[in-house]
């Protein structure tokens, strides 16, 4: 059964760093684009970063450009996607989710599937 599990969230002071991980267990995830979304209380879920199947192409939402880096490791039956978050700001506080997509260039949450349970990131000022 398709499964994505995020980890690595936590509490950090502004200016600090965290690295999120998403493990996608299943034979076909290396064929999918992987995306990291975040959702703050009362706000919509937005795509902050995505990475193509090979890792050659990446996308970043404007507010995280230069601070976040997405990467992936494709193994035989597991894909691990990382989100390195540096120079964190209080406005980065949210639940972070990973999800998959078959088509590059799509950014809406409705375009992605197989969501993980999310991991909370809290940045204090």
C-alpha atoms as a PDB file:
ATOM      1  CA  UNK A   1       0.000   0.000   0.000  1.00  0.00           C
ATOM      2  CA  UNK A   2       1.216   3.476  -0.854  1.00  0.00           C
ATOM      3  CA  UNK A   3       2.734   5.197   2.148  1.00  0.00           C
ATOM      4  CA  UNK A   4       4.581   8.456   2.776  1.00  0.00           C
ATOM      5  CA  UNK A   5       6.025   9.208   6.193  1.00  0.00           C
ATOM      6  CA  UNK A   6       7.450  12.593   7.117  1.00  0.00           C
ATOM      7  CA  UNK A   7       9.834  13.266   9.985  1.00  0.00           C
ATOM      8  CA  UNK A   8      12.305  15.845  11.203  1.00  0.00           C
ATOM      9  CA  UNK A   9       9.997  18.580  12.362  1.00  0.00           C
ATOM     10  CA  UNK A  10      10.356  20.308  15.681  1.00  0.00           C
ATOM     11  CA  UNK A  11      10.901  23.591  17.453  1.00  0.00           C
ATOM     12  CA  UNK A  12      13.686  25.943  16.473  1.00  0.00           C
ATOM     13  CA  UNK A  13      14.587  29.556  17.042  1.00  0.00           C
ATOM     14  CA  UNK A  14      14.509  31.995  14.175  1.00  0.00           C
ATOM     15  CA  UNK A  15      17.671  31.740  12.122  1.00  0.00           C
ATOM     16  CA  UNK A  16      18.052  28.063  12.867  1.00  0.00           C
ATOM     17  CA  UNK A  17      17.854  25.034  10.611  1.00  0.00           C
ATOM     18  CA  UNK A  18      15.897  21.825  10.302  1.00  0.00           C
ATOM     19  CA  UNK A  19      15.986  18.968   7.816  1.00  0.00           C
ATOM     20  CA  UNK A  20      12.763  17.215   6.987  1.00  0.00           C
ATOM     21  CA  UNK A  21      12.633  13.737   5.529  1.00  0.00           C
ATOM     22  CA  UNK A  22       9.874  11.954   3.667  1.00  0.00           C
ATOM     23  CA  UNK A  23      10.140   8.238   3.041  1.00  0.00           C
ATOM     24  CA  UNK A  24       7.935   6.951   0.247  1.00  0.00           C
ATOM     25  CA  UNK A  25       7.642   3.184   0.405  1.00  0.00           C
ATOM     26  CA  UNK A  26       6.540   1.455  -2.756  1.00  0.00           C
ATOM     27  CA  UNK A  27       7.950   0.291  -6.080  1.00  0.00           C
ATOM     28  CA  UNK A  28       6.940   3.249  -8.218  1.00  0.00           C
ATOM     29  CA  UNK A  29       7.755   6.433  -6.343  1.00  0.00           C
ATOM     30  CA  UNK A  30      10.927   6.996  -8.307  1.00  0.00           C
ATOM     31  CA  UNK A  31       8.648   7.650 -11.270  1.00  0.00           C
ATOM     32  CA  UNK A  32       6.926  10.562  -9.536  1.00  0.00           C
ATOM     33  CA  UNK A  33       7.639  14.169  -8.814  1.00  0.00           C
ATOM     34  CA  UNK A  34       7.859  14.719  -5.064  1.00  0.00           C
ATOM     35  CA  UNK A  35       6.601  17.862  -3.413  1.00  0.00           C
ATOM     36  CA  UNK A  36       6.783  19.498  -0.014  1.00  0.00           C
ATOM     37  CA  UNK A  37       3.738  21.497   1.072  1.00  0.00           C
ATOM     38  CA  UNK A  38       3.058  23.431   4.213  1.00  0.00           C
ATOM     39  CA  UNK A  39      -0.099  24.554   5.922  1.00  0.00           C
ATOM     40  CA  UNK A  40      -0.256  27.140   8.672  1.00  0.00           C
ATOM     41  CA  UNK A  41      -3.348  27.430  10.894  1.00  0.00           C
ATOM     42  CA  UNK A  42      -6.198  29.035   9.034  1.00  0.00           C
ATOM     43  CA  UNK A  43      -4.294  29.139   5.756  1.00  0.00           C
ATOM     44  CA  UNK A  44      -4.341  27.083   2.606  1.00  0.00           C
ATOM     45  CA  UNK A  45      -1.859  24.340   1.908  1.00  0.00           C
ATOM     46  CA  UNK A  46       0.848  25.632  -0.424  1.00  0.00           C
ATOM     47  CA  UNK A  47       3.667  24.006  -2.339  1.00  0.00           C
ATOM     48  CA  UNK A  48       7.036  25.190  -1.057  1.00  0.00           C
ATOM     49  CA  UNK A  49       9.338  22.907  -3.027  1.00  0.00           C
ATOM     50  CA  UNK A  50       9.241  20.074  -5.508  1.00  0.00           C
ATOM     51  CA  UNK A  51      11.764  17.888  -7.264  1.00  0.00           C
ATOM     52  CA  UNK A  52      11.603  15.965 -10.483  1.00  0.00           C
ATOM     53  CA  UNK A  53      12.010  12.219 -10.788  1.00  0.00           C
ATOM     54  CA  UNK A  54      15.736  12.426 -11.505  1.00  0.00           C
ATOM     55  CA  UNK A  55      16.345  15.319  -9.149  1.00  0.00           C
ATOM     56  CA  UNK A  56      17.534  17.469 -12.017  1.00  0.00           C
ATOM     57  CA  UNK A  57      14.702  19.996 -11.782  1.00  0.00           C
ATOM     58  CA  UNK A  58      13.505  21.749  -8.665  1.00  0.00           C
ATOM     59  CA  UNK A  59      10.867  24.321  -7.829  1.00  0.00           C
ATOM     60  CA  UNK A  60      10.765  26.697  -4.871  1.00  0.00           C
ATOM     61  CA  UNK A  61       8.067  29.033  -3.702  1.00  0.00           C
ATOM     62  CA  UNK A  62       9.356  32.597  -3.646  1.00  0.00           C
ATOM     63  CA  UNK A  63       9.399  32.983   0.116  1.00  0.00           C
ATOM     64  CA  UNK A  64      11.772  30.030   0.592  1.00  0.00           C
ATOM     65  CA  UNK A  65      14.140  30.573  -2.324  1.00  0.00           C
ATOM     66  CA  UNK A  66      17.729  30.707  -1.149  1.00  0.00           C
ATOM     67  CA  UNK A  67      16.832  29.230   2.242  1.00  0.00           C
ATOM     68  CA  UNK A  68      15.315  25.803   1.490  1.00  0.00           C
ATOM     69  CA  UNK A  69      16.850  23.005  -0.547  1.00  0.00           C
ATOM     70  CA  UNK A  70      14.988  19.927  -1.755  1.00  0.00           C
ATOM     71  CA  UNK A  71      16.767  16.708  -2.663  1.00  0.00           C
ATOM     72  CA  UNK A  72      15.913  13.065  -3.152  1.00  0.00           C
ATOM     73  CA  UNK A  73      17.438   9.624  -3.032  1.00  0.00           C
ATOM     74  CA  UNK A  74      15.865   6.995  -5.288  1.00  0.00           C
ATOM     75  CA  UNK A  75      16.380   3.434  -4.078  1.00  0.00           C
ATOM     76  CA  UNK A  76      14.855   0.279  -5.512  1.00  0.00           C
ATOM     77  CA  UNK A  77      11.596   0.295  -3.550  1.00  0.00           C
ATOM     78  CA  UNK A  78      11.946   3.482  -1.514  1.00  0.00           C
ATOM     79  CA  UNK A  79      12.326   7.148  -2.284  1.00  0.00           C
ATOM     80  CA  UNK A  80      13.528   9.531   0.391  1.00  0.00           C
ATOM     81  CA  UNK A  81      12.955  13.229  -0.143  1.00  0.00           C
ATOM     82  CA  UNK A  82      14.652  15.823   2.008  1.00  0.00           C
ATOM     83  CA  UNK A  83      13.881  19.452   2.695  1.00  0.00           C
ATOM     84  CA  UNK A  84      16.812  21.307   4.193  1.00  0.00           C
ATOM     85  CA  UNK A  85      15.488  24.477   5.776  1.00  0.00           C
ATOM     86  CA  UNK A  86      17.979  27.175   6.747  1.00  0.00           C
ATOM     87  CA  UNK A  87      17.588  30.690   8.150  1.00  0.00           C
ATOM     88  CA  UNK A  88      14.137  29.760   9.385  1.00  0.00           C
ATOM     89  CA  UNK A  89      11.632  32.500  10.121  1.00  0.00           C
ATOM     90  CA  UNK A  90       8.549  32.519  12.362  1.00  0.00           C
ATOM     91  CA  UNK A  91       6.400  32.645   9.222  1.00  0.00           C
ATOM     92  CA  UNK A  92       7.776  29.230   8.263  1.00  0.00           C
ATOM     93  CA  UNK A  93       5.793  27.753  11.145  1.00  0.00           C
ATOM     94  CA  UNK A  94       3.381  25.189   9.706  1.00  0.00           C
ATOM     95  CA  UNK A  95       2.670  21.516   9.284  1.00  0.00           C
ATOM     96  CA  UNK A  96       4.823  20.230   6.434  1.00  0.00           C
ATOM     97  CA  UNK A  97       3.571  17.463   4.169  1.00  0.00           C
ATOM     98  CA  UNK A  98       5.053  15.531   1.292  1.00  0.00           C
ATOM     99  CA  UNK A  99       3.036  14.305  -1.654  1.00  0.00           C
ATOM    100  CA  UNK A 100       3.499  13.038  -5.204  1.00  0.00           C
ATOM    101  CA  UNK A 101       2.576  14.218  -8.673  1.00  0.00           C
ATOM    102  CA  UNK A 102       3.027  12.759 -12.129  1.00  0.00           C
ATOM    103  CA  UNK A 103       3.251  16.041 -14.052  1.00  0.00           C
ATOM    104  CA  UNK A 104       5.807  18.805 -13.684  1.00  0.00           C
ATOM    105  CA  UNK A 105       4.666  22.378 -13.342  1.00  0.00           C
ATOM    106  CA  UNK A 106       1.595  21.816 -11.198  1.00  0.00           C
ATOM    107  CA  UNK A 107       1.514  23.517  -7.817  1.00  0.00           C
ATOM    108  CA  UNK A 108      -1.960  23.103  -6.377  1.00  0.00           C
ATOM    109  CA  UNK A 109      -2.491  20.683  -3.540  1.00  0.00           C
ATOM    110  CA  UNK A 110      -5.355  19.142  -5.506  1.00  0.00           C
ATOM    111  CA  UNK A 111      -2.845  18.124  -8.177  1.00  0.00           C
ATOM    112  CA  UNK A 112      -0.899  15.983  -5.721  1.00  0.00           C
ATOM    113  CA  UNK A 113      -1.767  12.685  -4.105  1.00  0.00           C
ATOM    114  CA  UNK A 114      -0.635  10.101  -1.565  1.00  0.00           C
ATOM    115  CA  UNK A 115      -0.195  12.558   1.265  1.00  0.00           C
ATOM    116  CA  UNK A 116       1.802  11.832   4.370  1.00  0.00           C
ATOM    117  CA  UNK A 117       0.568  12.625   7.866  1.00  0.00           C
ATOM    118  CA  UNK A 118       2.671  15.779   8.162  1.00  0.00           C
ATOM    119  CA  UNK A 119       5.326  16.999  10.552  1.00  0.00           C
ATOM    120  CA  UNK A 120       5.047  20.154  12.637  1.00  0.00           C
ATOM    121  CA  UNK A 121       7.663  22.880  12.309  1.00  0.00           C
ATOM    122  CA  UNK A 122       7.574  25.692  14.856  1.00  0.00           C
ATOM    123  CA  UNK A 123       9.923  28.664  14.582  1.00  0.00           C
ATOM    124  CA  UNK A 124      10.032  31.049  17.500  1.00  0.00           C
ATOM    125  CA  UNK A 125      11.119  34.660  17.257  1.00  0.00           C
END
